[in-house]
Amino acid sequence: MNKSELIDALSKKEDLTEKQAADIVGLMFKSFSNQLKSGGRIEIRGFGSFVVRDYDAYTGRNPKTGGTIQVAPKRLPFFKVGKELKERVNAGR
């Protein structure tokens, strides 16, 4: 499912206009992004949690040239799946 499919499903399920559904989805994504930017955590019970992990700088290799490059430290979002979602996915096998 992509963002436009989510908006379409929300508008049909809750009898909203496409604009209203897009505003709701946009607000959710913006709130999630702002929370992660500020170093916070997002936890959705039964689904999973999002946190930001810090990675140190390291020496990498350019696959095209084979030369070494210095990779800067970075922060990346990380998703940890919740127990209930894991069980629902495995029940569908």
C-alpha atoms as a PDB file:
ATOM      1  CA  MET A   1       0.000   0.000   0.000  1.00  0.00           C
ATOM      2  CA  ASN A   2       1.300   3.448  -0.834  1.00  0.00           C
ATOM      3  CA  LYS A   3       0.286   6.878   0.434  1.00  0.00           C
ATOM      4  CA  SER A   4      -2.383   7.519  -2.205  1.00  0.00           C
ATOM      5  CA  GLU A   5      -3.952   4.092  -1.572  1.00  0.00           C
ATOM      6  CA  LEU A   6      -4.016   4.857   2.161  1.00  0.00           C
ATOM      7  CA  ILE A   7      -5.741   8.188   1.475  1.00  0.00           C
ATOM      8  CA  ASP A   8      -8.267   6.482  -0.793  1.00  0.00           C
ATOM      9  CA  ALA A   9      -9.025   3.750   1.780  1.00  0.00           C
ATOM     10  CA  LEU A  10      -9.440   6.325   4.579  1.00  0.00           C
ATOM     11  CA  SER A  11     -11.772   8.504   2.502  1.00  0.00           C
ATOM     12  CA  LYS A  12     -13.994   5.536   1.616  1.00  0.00           C
ATOM     13  CA  LYS A  13     -14.036   3.969   5.097  1.00  0.00           C
ATOM     14  CA  GLU A  14     -14.793   7.201   6.976  1.00  0.00           C
ATOM     15  CA  ASP A  15     -16.875   8.888   4.251  1.00  0.00           C
ATOM     16  CA  LEU A  16     -14.426  11.790   3.866  1.00  0.00           C
ATOM     17  CA  THR A  17     -13.433  13.795   0.830  1.00  0.00           C
ATOM     18  CA  GLU A  18     -10.072  12.971  -0.749  1.00  0.00           C
ATOM     19  CA  LYS A  19      -8.784  16.367   0.476  1.00  0.00           C
ATOM     20  CA  GLN A  20      -9.822  15.702   4.081  1.00  0.00           C
ATOM     21  CA  ALA A  21      -8.252  12.232   4.021  1.00  0.00           C
ATOM     22  CA  ALA A  22      -5.046  13.636   2.460  1.00  0.00           C
ATOM     23  CA  ASP A  23      -4.870  16.299   5.182  1.00  0.00           C
ATOM     24  CA  ILE A  24      -5.228  13.663   7.922  1.00  0.00           C
ATOM     25  CA  VAL A  25      -2.578  11.379   6.435  1.00  0.00           C
ATOM     26  CA  GLY A  26      -0.271  14.345   5.825  1.00  0.00           C
ATOM     27  CA  LEU A  27      -0.692  15.508   9.420  1.00  0.00           C
ATOM     28  CA  MET A  28       0.137  12.037  10.721  1.00  0.00           C
ATOM     29  CA  PHE A  29       3.289  11.727   8.605  1.00  0.00           C
ATOM     30  CA  LYS A  30       4.422  15.248   9.486  1.00  0.00           C
ATOM     31  CA  SER A  31       3.872  14.568  13.204  1.00  0.00           C
ATOM     32  CA  PHE A  32       5.804  11.291  12.974  1.00  0.00           C
ATOM     33  CA  SER A  33       8.678  13.016  11.145  1.00  0.00           C
ATOM     34  CA  ASN A  34       8.834  15.880  13.653  1.00  0.00           C
ATOM     35  CA  GLN A  35       8.848  13.460  16.582  1.00  0.00           C
ATOM     36  CA  LEU A  36      11.728  11.437  15.104  1.00  0.00           C
ATOM     37  CA  LYS A  37      13.676  14.603  14.164  1.00  0.00           C
ATOM     38  CA  SER A  38      13.550  15.756  17.765  1.00  0.00           C
ATOM     39  CA  GLY A  39      14.943  12.413  18.948  1.00  0.00           C
ATOM     40  CA  GLY A  40      11.606  11.067  20.148  1.00  0.00           C
ATOM     41  CA  ARG A  41      10.059   7.680  19.706  1.00  0.00           C
ATOM     42  CA  ILE A  42       6.792   6.576  18.108  1.00  0.00           C
ATOM     43  CA  GLU A  43       4.994   3.521  19.474  1.00  0.00           C
ATOM     44  CA  ILE A  44       1.816   2.157  17.938  1.00  0.00           C
ATOM     45  CA  ARG A  45       0.478  -0.681  20.076  1.00  0.00           C
ATOM     46  CA  GLY A  46      -0.109  -3.862  18.116  1.00  0.00           C
ATOM     47  CA  PHE A  47       1.902  -2.570  15.153  1.00  0.00           C
ATOM     48  CA  GLY A  48       5.432  -1.554  16.148  1.00  0.00           C
ATOM     49  CA  SER A  49       7.702   1.293  17.125  1.00  0.00           C
ATOM     50  CA  PHE A  50       9.978   3.749  15.367  1.00  0.00           C
ATOM     51  CA  VAL A  51      13.197   5.090  16.886  1.00  0.00           C
ATOM     52  CA  VAL A  52      16.214   6.956  15.549  1.00  0.00           C
ATOM     53  CA  ARG A  53      19.541   5.153  15.681  1.00  0.00           C
ATOM     54  CA  ASP A  54      22.874   6.962  15.583  1.00  0.00           C
ATOM     55  CA  TYR A  55      25.641   5.502  13.425  1.00  0.00           C
ATOM     56  CA  ASP A  56      29.312   6.447  13.776  1.00  0.00           C
ATOM     57  CA  ALA A  57      31.530   7.503  10.896  1.00  0.00           C
ATOM     58  CA  TYR A  58      33.395   4.707   9.127  1.00  0.00           C
ATOM     59  CA  THR A  59      35.666   4.044   6.178  1.00  0.00           C
ATOM     60  CA  GLY A  60      33.774   2.546   3.267  1.00  0.00           C
ATOM     61  CA  ARG A  61      34.584   1.451  -0.268  1.00  0.00           C
ATOM     62  CA  ASN A  62      33.322   2.963  -3.495  1.00  0.00           C
ATOM     63  CA  PRO A  63      32.090  -0.067  -5.488  1.00  0.00           C
ATOM     64  CA  LYS A  64      32.593   1.715  -8.811  1.00  0.00           C
ATOM     65  CA  THR A  65      36.223   2.788  -8.351  1.00  0.00           C
ATOM     66  CA  GLY A  66      37.304   0.467  -5.542  1.00  0.00           C
ATOM     67  CA  GLY A  67      38.738   3.435  -3.624  1.00  0.00           C
ATOM     68  CA  THR A  68      38.128   4.090   0.035  1.00  0.00           C
ATOM     69  CA  ILE A  69      35.823   6.860   1.178  1.00  0.00           C
ATOM     70  CA  GLN A  70      34.987   8.337   4.556  1.00  0.00           C
ATOM     71  CA  VAL A  71      31.297   7.964   5.429  1.00  0.00           C
ATOM     72  CA  ALA A  72      29.989  10.671   7.771  1.00  0.00           C
ATOM     73  CA  PRO A  73      28.098   9.831  10.951  1.00  0.00           C
ATOM     74  CA  LYS A  74      24.365   9.667  10.452  1.00  0.00           C
ATOM     75  CA  ARG A  75      21.010   9.194  12.135  1.00  0.00           C
ATOM     76  CA  LEU A  76      18.502   6.823  10.568  1.00  0.00           C
ATOM     77  CA  PRO A  77      14.954   5.805  11.500  1.00  0.00           C
ATOM     78  CA  PHE A  78      14.553   2.189  12.583  1.00  0.00           C
ATOM     79  CA  PHE A  79      11.307   0.206  12.786  1.00  0.00           C
ATOM     80  CA  LYS A  80      10.817  -2.616  15.246  1.00  0.00           C
ATOM     81  CA  VAL A  81       7.776  -4.769  14.485  1.00  0.00           C
ATOM     82  CA  GLY A  82       5.331  -5.424  17.331  1.00  0.00           C
ATOM     83  CA  LYS A  83       4.450  -8.878  18.617  1.00  0.00           C
ATOM     84  CA  GLU A  84       0.808  -8.727  17.473  1.00  0.00           C
ATOM     85  CA  LEU A  85       1.715  -7.697  13.909  1.00  0.00           C
ATOM     86  CA  LYS A  86       4.348 -10.421  13.753  1.00  0.00           C
ATOM     87  CA  GLU A  87       1.763 -13.001  14.825  1.00  0.00           C
ATOM     88  CA  ARG A  88      -0.849 -11.733  12.320  1.00  0.00           C
ATOM     89  CA  VAL A  89       1.643 -11.897   9.446  1.00  0.00           C
ATOM     90  CA  ASN A  90       2.769 -15.404  10.388  1.00  0.00           C
ATOM     91  CA  ALA A  91      -0.847 -16.587  10.774  1.00  0.00           C
ATOM     92  CA  GLY A  92      -1.402 -15.744   7.104  1.00  0.00           C
ATOM     93  CA  ARG A  93       1.109 -18.357   5.913  1.00  0.00           C
END
